[in-house]
């Protein structure tokens, strides 16, 4: 865990934008960290390709320079690639490598032992492209169900570990060379050498790219740094956002509430909830008003609650039947009652959040030891 403040900085920078296709909200918060090192981007219509939208989160470590430069310029490098017109996947991959190469030769970026994750969602002609390098993450909600758009790049992953070792590095304590807690990133030039191809570096900027066809049942997309994902699972974040959309909250308000929910109550949590936090929530409108999405999510949540109540009633009936049978049985059996999931909101919210933090303390890793 990097250095922390005596009190968290909970002031948030929030924004929103909207057109016929999207209602987007974003927010970022410094939290317990000494400095804010994240950056993010949301562009509803790219200047050089008005039919395409671009959303991204960059989680910096060892300094904010790489994340800030990528936040301002990565989309430009992608659009400049000659492959962009007929192979957007390859344009994204080469755009990541191009900006990484340029920053290496830029004294303000290349001379620092700084780096950044990058998770990008580009949407064009109802097709989604998600490019990811590092452990920031993107998910989508499709008809109330989870759609995973990216996978984290960690040094202990088999393929990542193999590349690290072949590149001349090693993995120790689930860190690259005992130091870096992710295996792909922009920057981090101490792990990159000119005699190797970009894809073969100990820490590479080469992203994985996932593609999806966006249909009318796609509801929203969440992009966030690991300050969120270290605290909540994909399914928990989806349910948190969908429930609040159904309550009529706007995306930027949901982003703020999500960060508050993940913020550690003190700085003694082993790193959990103590990182910078950034969230971008992209609501898909499909040419309809935001109120339609609110109604859809509200109805979906009510249907889920009704299903849970019916399941609960059925379980109670079964338990009552078992208990009645047990009374006539000469043997005594231990009855196990099903646990119900605690709601994300309500009077028990702080206690649930504290319990969640304590349960996961041992699993937390900061990006950089000297961050």
Protein backbone atom coordinates (compact mmCIF):
# COMPACT_ATOMS: atom_id res chain seq x y z
CA UNK A 1 0.00 0.00 0.00
CA UNK A 2 1.30 3.46 -0.88
CA UNK A 3 1.41 6.40 1.48
CA UNK A 4 -1.93 7.51 2.86
CA UNK A 5 -3.44 10.65 4.34
CA UNK A 6 -4.66 10.99 7.90
CA UNK A 7 -8.14 11.74 6.48
CA UNK A 8 -9.50 10.85 3.02
CA UNK A 9 -10.14 13.50 0.39
CA UNK A 10 -13.77 12.80 -0.45
CA UNK A 11 -14.37 15.77 -2.76
CA UNK A 12 -15.43 14.43 -6.14
CA UNK A 13 -15.04 15.66 -9.69
CA UNK A 14 -18.22 14.58 -11.46
CA UNK A 15 -19.52 15.20 -14.96
CA UNK A 16 -22.24 14.07 -17.34
CA UNK A 17 -23.07 14.26 -21.02
CA UNK A 18 -25.92 13.00 -23.16
CA UNK A 19 -27.14 12.52 -26.71
CA UNK A 20 -29.74 10.27 -28.29
CA UNK A 21 -27.60 7.17 -27.77
CA UNK A 22 -26.06 7.65 -24.32
CA UNK A 23 -26.54 9.23 -20.92
CA UNK A 24 -23.06 9.16 -19.37
CA UNK A 25 -21.96 10.05 -15.86
CA UNK A 26 -18.49 9.97 -14.35
CA UNK A 27 -16.84 10.75 -11.06
CA UNK A 28 -13.40 10.45 -9.48
CA UNK A 29 -12.15 10.79 -5.91
CA UNK A 30 -8.67 10.95 -4.41
CA UNK A 31 -9.64 9.07 -1.27
CA UNK A 32 -6.89 8.10 1.18
CA UNK A 33 -4.01 8.46 -1.30
CA UNK A 34 -1.48 11.30 -1.13
CA UNK A 35 -2.15 12.24 -4.78
CA UNK A 36 -4.81 11.67 -7.41
CA UNK A 37 -3.27 9.62 -10.23
CA UNK A 38 -6.33 8.49 -12.22
CA UNK A 39 -7.67 9.91 -15.47
CA UNK A 40 -10.74 9.18 -17.57
CA UNK A 41 -12.38 10.06 -20.86
CA UNK A 42 -15.91 10.13 -22.24
CA UNK A 43 -16.47 11.35 -25.79
CA UNK A 44 -19.94 10.83 -27.24
CA UNK A 45 -18.85 11.69 -30.78
CA UNK A 46 -15.20 11.51 -31.80
CA UNK A 47 -14.10 14.61 -33.77
CA UNK A 48 -12.53 12.53 -36.56
CA UNK A 49 -15.32 9.94 -36.57
CA UNK A 50 -18.62 11.45 -35.35
CA UNK A 51 -20.37 8.09 -35.51
CA UNK A 52 -18.09 6.59 -32.86
CA UNK A 53 -18.05 7.05 -29.08
CA UNK A 54 -15.04 6.55 -26.81
CA UNK A 55 -14.95 5.88 -23.06
CA UNK A 56 -11.91 5.06 -20.93
CA UNK A 57 -10.45 4.83 -17.43
CA UNK A 58 -6.74 5.13 -16.70
CA UNK A 59 -5.40 4.16 -13.27
CA UNK A 60 -1.96 5.69 -12.77
CA UNK A 61 0.76 4.45 -10.44
CA UNK A 62 4.12 5.97 -9.55
CA UNK A 63 2.77 9.33 -10.69
CA UNK A 64 -0.10 10.75 -12.70
CA UNK A 65 1.77 11.76 -15.86
CA UNK A 66 1.16 8.65 -17.97
CA UNK A 67 -2.52 8.40 -17.04
CA UNK A 68 -3.12 12.07 -17.77
CA UNK A 69 -1.37 11.95 -21.15
CA UNK A 70 -3.30 8.83 -22.15
CA UNK A 71 -6.57 10.40 -21.04
CA UNK A 72 -6.01 13.32 -23.37
CA UNK A 73 -4.52 11.55 -26.37
CA UNK A 74 -5.04 7.76 -26.63
CA UNK A 75 -8.20 8.05 -28.74
CA UNK A 76 -6.28 10.21 -31.24
CA UNK A 77 -3.63 7.53 -31.71
CA UNK A 78 -6.31 4.90 -32.31
CA UNK A 79 -8.09 7.00 -34.94
CA UNK A 80 -4.82 7.80 -36.72
CA UNK A 81 -4.07 4.15 -37.33
CA UNK A 82 -4.58 3.08 -40.99
CA UNK A 83 -6.32 -0.08 -39.75
CA UNK A 84 -9.12 1.93 -38.12
CA UNK A 85 -11.38 1.93 -41.20
CA UNK A 86 -11.51 -1.85 -41.58
CA UNK A 87 -10.01 -3.41 -38.42
CA UNK A 88 -10.79 -1.49 -35.25
CA UNK A 89 -9.44 -4.28 -33.02
CA UNK A 90 -6.00 -3.95 -34.57
CA UNK A 91 -6.23 -0.15 -34.56
CA UNK A 92 -6.82 -0.26 -30.80
CA UNK A 93 -3.89 -2.59 -30.22
CA UNK A 94 -1.51 -0.55 -32.35
CA UNK A 95 -2.83 2.71 -30.90
CA UNK A 96 -1.88 1.51 -27.40
CA UNK A 97 1.62 0.64 -28.62
CA UNK A 98 1.99 3.92 -30.50
CA UNK A 99 1.19 6.12 -27.51
CA UNK A 100 3.45 4.00 -25.32
CA UNK A 101 6.31 4.53 -27.79
CA UNK A 102 5.72 8.29 -27.97
CA UNK A 103 5.59 8.67 -24.19
CA UNK A 104 8.89 6.81 -23.84
CA UNK A 105 10.52 9.53 -25.91
CA UNK A 106 8.67 12.32 -24.16
CA UNK A 107 10.85 13.48 -21.26
CA UNK A 108 7.85 14.35 -19.12
CA UNK A 109 6.63 10.74 -19.32
CA UNK A 110 9.54 8.50 -20.29
CA UNK A 111 11.98 9.59 -17.58
CA UNK A 112 9.61 8.61 -14.79
CA UNK A 113 9.05 5.21 -13.25
CA UNK A 114 5.36 5.80 -13.75
CA UNK A 115 2.69 3.83 -15.53
CA UNK A 116 -1.02 3.44 -16.00
CA UNK A 117 -3.66 0.85 -16.71
CA UNK A 118 -6.01 1.51 -19.61
CA UNK A 119 -9.48 0.11 -20.16
CA UNK A 120 -11.22 1.52 -23.24
CA UNK A 121 -14.67 1.03 -24.75
CA UNK A 122 -15.17 2.23 -28.32
CA UNK A 123 -18.65 1.94 -29.85
CA UNK A 124 -19.25 2.27 -33.59
CA UNK A 125 -22.16 1.05 -35.72
CA UNK A 126 -23.72 -0.77 -32.74
CA UNK A 127 -20.54 -2.76 -32.22
CA UNK A 128 -18.56 -2.49 -29.00
CA UNK A 129 -14.78 -2.88 -28.80
CA UNK A 130 -13.19 -3.15 -25.37
CA UNK A 131 -9.39 -2.87 -25.14
CA UNK A 132 -7.69 -3.50 -21.82
CA UNK A 133 -4.14 -3.42 -20.45
CA UNK A 134 -3.87 -3.84 -16.68
CA UNK A 135 -6.41 -4.36 -13.93
CA UNK A 136 -8.96 -1.65 -14.49
CA UNK A 137 -12.12 -3.30 -15.73
CA UNK A 138 -15.28 -2.95 -17.82
CA UNK A 139 -18.59 -4.80 -17.51
CA UNK A 140 -21.99 -4.42 -19.15
CA UNK A 141 -25.57 -5.09 -18.08
CA UNK A 142 -27.58 -6.90 -20.75
CA UNK A 143 -31.22 -7.44 -19.85
CA UNK A 144 -30.24 -7.44 -16.20
CA UNK A 145 -27.45 -9.98 -16.71
CA UNK A 146 -23.69 -9.55 -16.36
CA UNK A 147 -21.56 -9.33 -19.50
CA UNK A 148 -17.83 -9.29 -18.74
CA UNK A 149 -15.92 -7.09 -21.19
CA UNK A 150 -12.37 -7.36 -19.85
CA UNK A 151 -10.15 -9.61 -17.76
CA UNK A 152 -7.48 -8.34 -15.38
CA UNK A 153 -3.81 -8.77 -16.24
CA UNK A 154 -2.08 -10.05 -13.11
CA UNK A 155 1.49 -11.41 -12.86
CA UNK A 156 0.32 -14.75 -11.43
CA UNK A 157 -1.88 -15.48 -14.48
CA UNK A 158 -0.27 -18.38 -16.34
CA UNK A 159 0.11 -16.64 -19.72
CA UNK A 160 1.27 -13.39 -18.11
CA UNK A 161 3.80 -15.16 -15.91
CA UNK A 162 5.19 -17.05 -18.92
CA UNK A 163 5.74 -13.80 -20.85
CA UNK A 164 7.33 -12.09 -17.84
CA UNK A 165 9.83 -14.92 -17.32
CA UNK A 166 10.65 -15.23 -21.04
CA UNK A 167 11.23 -11.48 -21.10
CA UNK A 168 13.85 -11.74 -18.36
CA UNK A 169 11.72 -10.90 -15.34
CA UNK A 170 10.28 -12.91 -12.49
CA UNK A 171 7.17 -13.09 -10.36
CA UNK A 172 7.49 -12.77 -6.60
CA UNK A 173 4.65 -12.19 -4.11
CA UNK A 174 2.30 -11.97 -7.15
CA UNK A 175 4.25 -8.96 -8.41
CA UNK A 176 6.47 -8.37 -11.42
CA UNK A 177 10.04 -8.51 -10.09
CA UNK A 178 8.50 -8.34 -6.63
CA UNK A 179 7.29 -4.81 -7.34
CA UNK A 180 4.45 -4.19 -9.78
CA UNK A 181 1.07 -5.78 -9.05
CA UNK A 182 -0.13 -5.84 -12.68
CA UNK A 183 1.48 -7.28 -15.79
CA UNK A 184 0.36 -4.94 -18.58
CA UNK A 185 0.43 -1.16 -18.57
CA UNK A 186 1.25 1.99 -20.44
CA UNK A 187 4.57 3.40 -19.24
CA UNK A 188 6.56 1.44 -16.62
CA UNK A 189 9.58 1.75 -18.89
CA UNK A 190 11.93 0.23 -16.34
CA UNK A 191 10.39 -3.09 -17.44
CA UNK A 192 10.66 -2.41 -21.19
CA UNK A 193 13.74 -2.88 -23.37
CA UNK A 194 14.38 -1.82 -26.97
CA UNK A 195 15.69 -5.23 -28.05
CA UNK A 196 12.28 -6.84 -27.55
CA UNK A 197 9.01 -6.53 -29.44
CA UNK A 198 6.29 -4.62 -27.57
CA UNK A 199 4.19 -7.77 -27.15
CA UNK A 200 7.14 -9.62 -25.54
CA UNK A 201 8.09 -7.06 -22.90
CA UNK A 202 8.12 -7.98 -19.22
CA UNK A 203 5.32 -5.44 -18.82
CA UNK A 204 3.60 -4.84 -22.14
CA UNK A 205 1.20 -2.15 -23.27
CA UNK A 206 -0.36 -4.55 -25.79
CA UNK A 207 -4.07 -4.84 -24.92
CA UNK A 208 -6.55 -7.67 -25.16
CA UNK A 209 -9.57 -6.65 -27.26
CA UNK A 210 -13.11 -8.01 -26.88
CA UNK A 211 -15.92 -7.29 -29.33
CA UNK A 212 -19.68 -7.43 -28.80
CA UNK A 213 -22.78 -6.58 -30.85
CA UNK A 214 -24.95 -4.07 -29.00
CA UNK A 215 -28.63 -5.00 -29.12
CA UNK A 216 -31.71 -3.26 -27.70
CA UNK A 217 -31.46 -5.20 -24.44
CA UNK A 218 -28.09 -3.65 -23.55
CA UNK A 219 -28.73 -1.34 -20.58
CA UNK A 220 -25.44 0.13 -19.36
CA UNK A 221 -21.65 -0.22 -19.22
CA UNK A 222 -19.41 0.38 -16.21
CA UNK A 223 -15.71 1.22 -16.49
CA UNK A 224 -13.75 1.60 -13.26
CA UNK A 225 -10.32 1.34 -11.71
CA UNK A 226 -9.39 -1.37 -9.23
CA UNK A 227 -10.23 0.93 -6.33
CA UNK A 228 -13.78 -0.24 -7.06
CA UNK A 229 -13.18 -3.84 -8.14
CA UNK A 230 -10.99 -4.66 -5.13
CA UNK A 231 -13.99 -3.96 -2.91
CA UNK A 232 -16.96 -5.20 -4.96
CA UNK A 233 -17.47 -8.03 -7.43
CA UNK A 234 -18.72 -7.57 -10.99
CA UNK A 235 -22.17 -8.81 -9.99
CA UNK A 236 -22.31 -6.51 -6.97
CA UNK A 237 -21.42 -3.44 -9.03
CA UNK A 238 -24.02 -4.37 -11.65
CA UNK A 239 -26.76 -4.76 -9.06
CA UNK A 240 -25.69 -1.57 -7.26
CA UNK A 241 -25.95 0.48 -10.47
CA UNK A 242 -29.09 -1.16 -11.87
CA UNK A 243 -31.00 -0.75 -8.62
CA UNK A 244 -30.17 2.95 -8.47
CA UNK A 245 -31.03 3.57 -12.11
CA UNK A 246 -34.39 2.00 -11.29
CA UNK A 247 -34.72 4.48 -8.41
CA UNK A 248 -34.36 7.35 -10.89
CA UNK A 249 -30.81 8.40 -9.98
CA UNK A 250 -28.59 9.90 -12.67
CA UNK A 251 -25.37 8.12 -13.71
CA UNK A 252 -22.99 10.65 -12.14
CA UNK A 253 -24.87 10.39 -8.84
CA UNK A 254 -24.57 6.61 -8.96
CA UNK A 255 -20.83 6.90 -9.61
CA UNK A 256 -20.46 9.12 -6.54
CA UNK A 257 -22.48 6.77 -4.36
CA UNK A 258 -20.53 3.76 -5.60
CA UNK A 259 -17.24 5.38 -4.58
CA UNK A 260 -18.62 6.31 -1.17
CA UNK A 261 -19.71 2.71 -0.73
CA UNK A 262 -16.19 1.44 -1.54
CA UNK A 263 -14.27 4.00 0.53
CA UNK A 264 -12.60 2.47 3.58
CA UNK A 265 -13.81 3.89 6.92
CA UNK A 266 -10.17 4.29 8.04
CA UNK A 267 -6.68 3.79 6.62
CA UNK A 268 -6.02 0.60 8.59
CA UNK A 269 -7.72 -1.71 6.09
CA UNK A 270 -4.60 -3.12 4.45
CA UNK A 271 -5.25 -1.08 1.31
CA UNK A 272 -8.86 -2.10 0.72
CA UNK A 273 -10.95 0.95 -0.11
CA UNK A 274 -7.93 3.20 0.24
CA UNK A 275 -7.05 3.71 -3.42
CA UNK A 276 -7.94 6.49 -5.84
CA UNK A 277 -11.34 5.77 -7.39
CA UNK A 278 -12.75 6.52 -10.83
CA UNK A 279 -16.03 5.33 -12.36
CA UNK A 280 -17.65 5.95 -15.75
CA UNK A 281 -21.26 4.77 -16.13
CA UNK A 282 -22.50 4.67 -19.72
CA UNK A 283 -26.28 4.26 -19.97
CA UNK A 284 -27.47 3.07 -23.37
CA UNK A 285 -30.61 4.91 -24.47
CA UNK A 286 -31.18 3.41 -27.94
CA UNK A 287 -32.78 6.68 -29.05
CA UNK A 288 -35.27 6.71 -26.17
CA UNK A 289 -35.46 8.94 -23.08
CA UNK A 290 -33.55 8.05 -19.92
CA UNK A 291 -36.90 7.55 -18.16
CA UNK A 292 -37.44 4.42 -20.30
CA UNK A 293 -34.23 2.90 -18.91
CA UNK A 294 -35.31 3.86 -15.39
CA UNK A 295 -38.59 2.02 -15.88
CA UNK A 296 -36.85 -1.00 -17.37
CA UNK A 297 -34.41 -1.29 -14.47
CA UNK A 298 -37.13 -0.64 -11.90
CA UNK A 299 -39.37 -3.33 -13.35
CA UNK A 300 -36.45 -5.71 -13.59
CA UNK A 301 -35.51 -5.13 -9.96
CA UNK A 302 -39.12 -5.63 -8.86
CA UNK A 303 -39.31 -8.87 -10.82
CA UNK A 304 -36.11 -10.06 -9.17
CA UNK A 305 -37.43 -9.15 -5.72
CA UNK A 306 -40.71 -10.96 -6.44
CA UNK A 307 -38.79 -14.04 -7.55
CA UNK A 308 -36.72 -13.91 -4.37
CA UNK A 309 -39.86 -13.54 -2.24
CA UNK A 310 -41.50 -16.49 -3.98
CA UNK A 311 -38.34 -18.54 -3.53
CA UNK A 312 -38.26 -17.50 0.12
CA UNK A 313 -41.90 -18.54 0.63
CA UNK A 314 -41.21 -21.89 -1.00
CA UNK A 315 -38.18 -22.38 1.22
CA UNK A 316 -40.22 -21.57 4.32
CA UNK A 317 -42.82 -24.14 3.28
CA UNK A 318 -40.12 -26.74 2.78
CA UNK A 319 -38.52 -25.96 6.14
CA UNK A 320 -41.91 -26.17 7.89
CA UNK A 321 -42.56 -29.53 6.24
CA UNK A 322 -39.12 -30.81 7.25
CA UNK A 323 -39.63 -29.63 10.82
CA UNK A 324 -42.99 -31.38 10.97
CA UNK A 325 -41.41 -34.58 9.70
CA UNK A 326 -38.53 -34.21 12.12
CA UNK A 327 -40.93 -34.14 15.08
CA UNK A 328 -42.05 -37.66 14.25
CA UNK A 329 -38.50 -38.91 13.63
CA UNK A 330 -36.49 -40.49 16.42
CA UNK A 331 -33.24 -38.87 15.19
CA UNK A 332 -32.39 -35.20 15.62
CA UNK A 333 -31.02 -33.37 12.56
CA UNK A 334 -29.48 -29.93 12.27
CA UNK A 335 -31.58 -27.66 10.04
CA UNK A 336 -29.74 -25.13 7.87
CA UNK A 337 -31.60 -21.97 6.93
CA UNK A 338 -30.73 -20.12 3.73
CA UNK A 339 -29.05 -16.73 4.09
CA UNK A 340 -30.53 -13.73 2.33
CA UNK A 341 -28.21 -11.21 0.72
CA UNK A 342 -28.01 -7.88 2.53
CA UNK A 343 -29.22 -4.93 0.45
CA UNK A 344 -26.63 -2.37 -0.67
CA UNK A 345 -28.71 0.35 0.95
CA UNK A 346 -30.50 0.68 4.23
CA UNK A 347 -29.67 1.05 7.92
CA UNK A 348 -27.17 -1.85 7.89
CA UNK A 349 -25.14 -0.40 5.00
CA UNK A 350 -22.15 0.76 7.07
CA UNK A 351 -21.95 -2.50 8.98
CA UNK A 352 -22.10 -4.54 5.79
CA UNK A 353 -19.44 -2.39 4.15
CA UNK A 354 -17.15 -2.76 7.20
CA UNK A 355 -17.61 -6.54 7.23
CA UNK A 356 -16.84 -6.70 3.50
CA UNK A 357 -13.67 -4.66 4.02
CA UNK A 358 -12.47 -6.86 6.88
CA UNK A 359 -13.15 -10.10 5.02
CA UNK A 360 -11.04 -9.06 2.03
CA UNK A 361 -8.13 -7.28 3.77
CA UNK A 362 -5.62 -10.06 3.23
CA UNK A 363 -6.24 -10.19 -0.52
CA UNK A 364 -5.47 -6.58 -1.29
CA UNK A 365 -2.43 -5.39 -3.17
CA UNK A 366 -1.52 -1.86 -4.15
CA UNK A 367 -0.20 -1.22 -7.66
CA UNK A 368 3.26 -0.09 -6.70
CA UNK A 369 5.24 -0.63 -3.52
CA UNK A 370 6.76 2.84 -3.85
CA UNK A 371 3.51 4.36 -5.13
